[in-house]
Amino acid sequence: MAAEYIPDEAALDNLLTSQPMVVMDCTASWCGPCKLVAPLMDQLADEYGDKVTVVKLDIDNNKSVAKRFGIKSIPAVLFFKQGEQVDTVIGAKPYSEFSAALAKYL
């Protein structure tokens, strides 16, 4: 199961209101470290897919989202519970760091 790209902020808002737990990977095609994080997000989606919605968002196409959540550097992985941002992991980190951040809220 792979983490799907969402097109825009409206799609994000829809997920945040309809899903109890959302993990969003803010990425860009030119970002090298983002390419390291991408397979980890797919792994997260695979492992926690029954409890969590894992998505990717191209930050170049969604500057408003970057501004809204104060994203200054990518990769940035944002964790939302019941529509509220509860955690953020910045940079290319090992899988254990992403899964541990998620586990705190499940």
C-alpha atoms as a PDB file:
ATOM      1  CA  MET A   1       0.000   0.000   0.000  1.00  0.00           C
ATOM      2  CA  ALA A   2       1.532   3.301  -1.074  1.00  0.00           C
ATOM      3  CA  ALA A   3       0.943   6.760   0.322  1.00  0.00           C
ATOM      4  CA  GLU A   4      -1.083   8.649  -2.292  1.00  0.00           C
ATOM      5  CA  TYR A   5      -0.478  12.200  -3.444  1.00  0.00           C
ATOM      6  CA  ILE A   6      -3.299  14.593  -2.623  1.00  0.00           C
ATOM      7  CA  PRO A   7      -3.844  17.432  -5.097  1.00  0.00           C
ATOM      8  CA  ASP A   8      -4.557  20.450  -2.914  1.00  0.00           C
ATOM      9  CA  GLU A   9      -5.569  22.049   0.362  1.00  0.00           C
ATOM     10  CA  ALA A  10      -9.249  21.246  -0.177  1.00  0.00           C
ATOM     11  CA  ALA A  11      -8.407  17.537  -0.388  1.00  0.00           C
ATOM     12  CA  LEU A  12      -6.323  17.876   2.776  1.00  0.00           C
ATOM     13  CA  ASP A  13      -9.136  19.613   4.650  1.00  0.00           C
ATOM     14  CA  ASN A  14     -11.523  16.888   3.544  1.00  0.00           C
ATOM     15  CA  LEU A  15      -9.177  14.232   4.958  1.00  0.00           C
ATOM     16  CA  LEU A  16      -8.627  16.140   8.198  1.00  0.00           C
ATOM     17  CA  THR A  17     -12.372  16.303   8.833  1.00  0.00           C
ATOM     18  CA  SER A  18     -13.148  12.742   7.711  1.00  0.00           C
ATOM     19  CA  GLN A  19     -10.185  10.726   9.048  1.00  0.00           C
ATOM     20  CA  PRO A  20      -9.239  10.322  12.730  1.00  0.00           C
ATOM     21  CA  MET A  21      -5.472  10.209  12.033  1.00  0.00           C
ATOM     22  CA  VAL A  22      -3.625  11.661   9.034  1.00  0.00           C
ATOM     23  CA  VAL A  23       0.103  11.666   8.280  1.00  0.00           C
ATOM     24  CA  MET A  24       1.154  14.099   5.543  1.00  0.00           C
ATOM     25  CA  ASP A  25       4.558  14.039   3.885  1.00  0.00           C
ATOM     26  CA  CYS A  26       5.357  17.497   2.465  1.00  0.00           C
ATOM     27  CA  THR A  27       7.666  16.920  -0.455  1.00  0.00           C
ATOM     28  CA  ALA A  28       8.920  18.325  -3.769  1.00  0.00           C
ATOM     29  CA  SER A  29      10.285  16.752  -6.937  1.00  0.00           C
ATOM     30  CA  TRP A  30      13.651  18.577  -6.632  1.00  0.00           C
ATOM     31  CA  CYS A  31      14.224  17.604  -2.976  1.00  0.00           C
ATOM     32  CA  GLY A  32      16.864  14.867  -2.569  1.00  0.00           C
ATOM     33  CA  PRO A  33      16.148  13.983   1.094  1.00  0.00           C
ATOM     34  CA  CYS A  34      12.436  13.759   0.229  1.00  0.00           C
ATOM     35  CA  LYS A  35      13.243  10.809  -2.040  1.00  0.00           C
ATOM     36  CA  LEU A  36      14.673   8.997   1.007  1.00  0.00           C
ATOM     37  CA  VAL A  37      11.528   9.639   3.047  1.00  0.00           C
ATOM     38  CA  ALA A  38       9.040   8.622   0.312  1.00  0.00           C
ATOM     39  CA  PRO A  39       9.497   4.818   0.681  1.00  0.00           C
ATOM     40  CA  LEU A  40       9.269   5.194   4.476  1.00  0.00           C
ATOM     41  CA  MET A  41       5.855   6.844   4.062  1.00  0.00           C
ATOM     42  CA  ASP A  42       4.772   3.911   1.889  1.00  0.00           C
ATOM     43  CA  GLN A  43       5.985   1.575   4.643  1.00  0.00           C
ATOM     44  CA  LEU A  44       4.014   3.587   7.215  1.00  0.00           C
ATOM     45  CA  ALA A  45       0.909   3.373   5.019  1.00  0.00           C
ATOM     46  CA  ASP A  46       1.464  -0.360   4.695  1.00  0.00           C
ATOM     47  CA  GLU A  47       1.984  -0.985   8.403  1.00  0.00           C
ATOM     48  CA  TYR A  48      -0.656   1.386   9.827  1.00  0.00           C
ATOM     49  CA  GLY A  49      -3.046   1.691   6.874  1.00  0.00           C
ATOM     50  CA  ASP A  50      -6.001   0.326   8.854  1.00  0.00           C
ATOM     51  CA  LYS A  51      -5.664   3.087  11.503  1.00  0.00           C
ATOM     52  CA  VAL A  52      -4.055   5.982   9.630  1.00  0.00           C
ATOM     53  CA  THR A  53      -4.338   7.788   6.314  1.00  0.00           C
ATOM     54  CA  VAL A  54      -0.843   8.504   4.953  1.00  0.00           C
ATOM     55  CA  VAL A  55      -0.610  11.040   2.128  1.00  0.00           C
ATOM     56  CA  LYS A  56       2.006  13.039   0.231  1.00  0.00           C
ATOM     57  CA  LEU A  57       1.674  16.656  -0.799  1.00  0.00           C
ATOM     58  CA  ASP A  58       3.805  18.486  -3.365  1.00  0.00           C
ATOM     59  CA  ILE A  59       4.659  21.700  -1.586  1.00  0.00           C
ATOM     60  CA  ASP A  60       5.549  23.554  -4.817  1.00  0.00           C
ATOM     61  CA  ASN A  61       1.938  23.166  -5.978  1.00  0.00           C
ATOM     62  CA  ASN A  62       0.540  23.999  -2.526  1.00  0.00           C
ATOM     63  CA  LYS A  63       2.335  27.061  -1.179  1.00  0.00           C
ATOM     64  CA  SER A  64      -0.752  27.938   0.885  1.00  0.00           C
ATOM     65  CA  VAL A  65      -0.407  24.669   2.841  1.00  0.00           C
ATOM     66  CA  ALA A  66       3.275  25.376   3.539  1.00  0.00           C
ATOM     67  CA  LYS A  67       2.334  28.818   4.813  1.00  0.00           C
ATOM     68  CA  ARG A  68      -0.603  27.545   6.869  1.00  0.00           C
ATOM     69  CA  PHE A  69       1.527  25.017   8.760  1.00  0.00           C
ATOM     70  CA  GLY A  70       4.717  27.106   8.856  1.00  0.00           C
ATOM     71  CA  ILE A  71       6.776  24.653   6.822  1.00  0.00           C
ATOM     72  CA  LYS A  72      10.208  26.186   6.261  1.00  0.00           C
ATOM     73  CA  SER A  73      12.157  23.098   5.168  1.00  0.00           C
ATOM     74  CA  ILE A  74      11.326  19.744   3.625  1.00  0.00           C
ATOM     75  CA  PRO A  75      10.929  16.872   3.938  1.00  0.00           C
ATOM     76  CA  ALA A  76       8.419  17.701   6.654  1.00  0.00           C
ATOM     77  CA  VAL A  77       6.061  15.007   7.905  1.00  0.00           C
ATOM     78  CA  LEU A  78       3.020  16.361   9.730  1.00  0.00           C
ATOM     79  CA  PHE A  79       0.854  14.275  12.059  1.00  0.00           C
ATOM     80  CA  PHE A  80      -2.804  15.172  12.567  1.00  0.00           C
ATOM     81  CA  LYS A  81      -5.228  13.711  15.093  1.00  0.00           C
ATOM     82  CA  GLN A  82      -8.938  14.619  14.867  1.00  0.00           C
ATOM     83  CA  GLY A  83      -7.986  17.408  12.449  1.00  0.00           C
ATOM     84  CA  GLU A  84      -5.413  19.010  14.785  1.00  0.00           C
ATOM     85  CA  GLN A  85      -1.702  19.058  14.036  1.00  0.00           C
ATOM     86  CA  VAL A  86      -0.083  17.130  16.909  1.00  0.00           C
ATOM     87  CA  ASP A  87       3.471  16.539  15.703  1.00  0.00           C
ATOM     88  CA  THR A  88       6.006  17.310  12.968  1.00  0.00           C
ATOM     89  CA  VAL A  89       9.179  15.466  11.968  1.00  0.00           C
ATOM     90  CA  ILE A  90      11.563  17.528   9.811  1.00  0.00           C
ATOM     91  CA  GLY A  91      14.274  16.007   7.626  1.00  0.00           C
ATOM     92  CA  ALA A  92      15.239  12.554   6.412  1.00  0.00           C
ATOM     93  CA  LYS A  93      14.994  10.399   9.528  1.00  0.00           C
ATOM     94  CA  PRO A  94      15.023   6.631  10.070  1.00  0.00           C
ATOM     95  CA  TYR A  95      11.709   4.805   9.793  1.00  0.00           C
ATOM     96  CA  SER A  96      11.678   4.160  13.552  1.00  0.00           C
ATOM     97  CA  GLU A  97      11.413   7.897  14.199  1.00  0.00           C
ATOM     98  CA  PHE A  98       8.314   8.272  12.013  1.00  0.00           C
ATOM     99  CA  SER A  99       6.637   5.164  13.407  1.00  0.00           C
ATOM    100  CA  ALA A 100       7.414   6.192  17.011  1.00  0.00           C
ATOM    101  CA  ALA A 101       5.925   9.657  16.415  1.00  0.00           C
ATOM    102  CA  LEU A 102       2.794   8.038  15.003  1.00  0.00           C
ATOM    103  CA  ALA A 103       2.508   5.401  17.726  1.00  0.00           C
ATOM    104  CA  LYS A 104       2.209   8.118  20.404  1.00  0.00           C
ATOM    105  CA  TYR A 105      -1.177   9.131  18.990  1.00  0.00           C
ATOM    106  CA  LEU A 106      -2.735   5.755  18.198  1.00  0.00           C
END
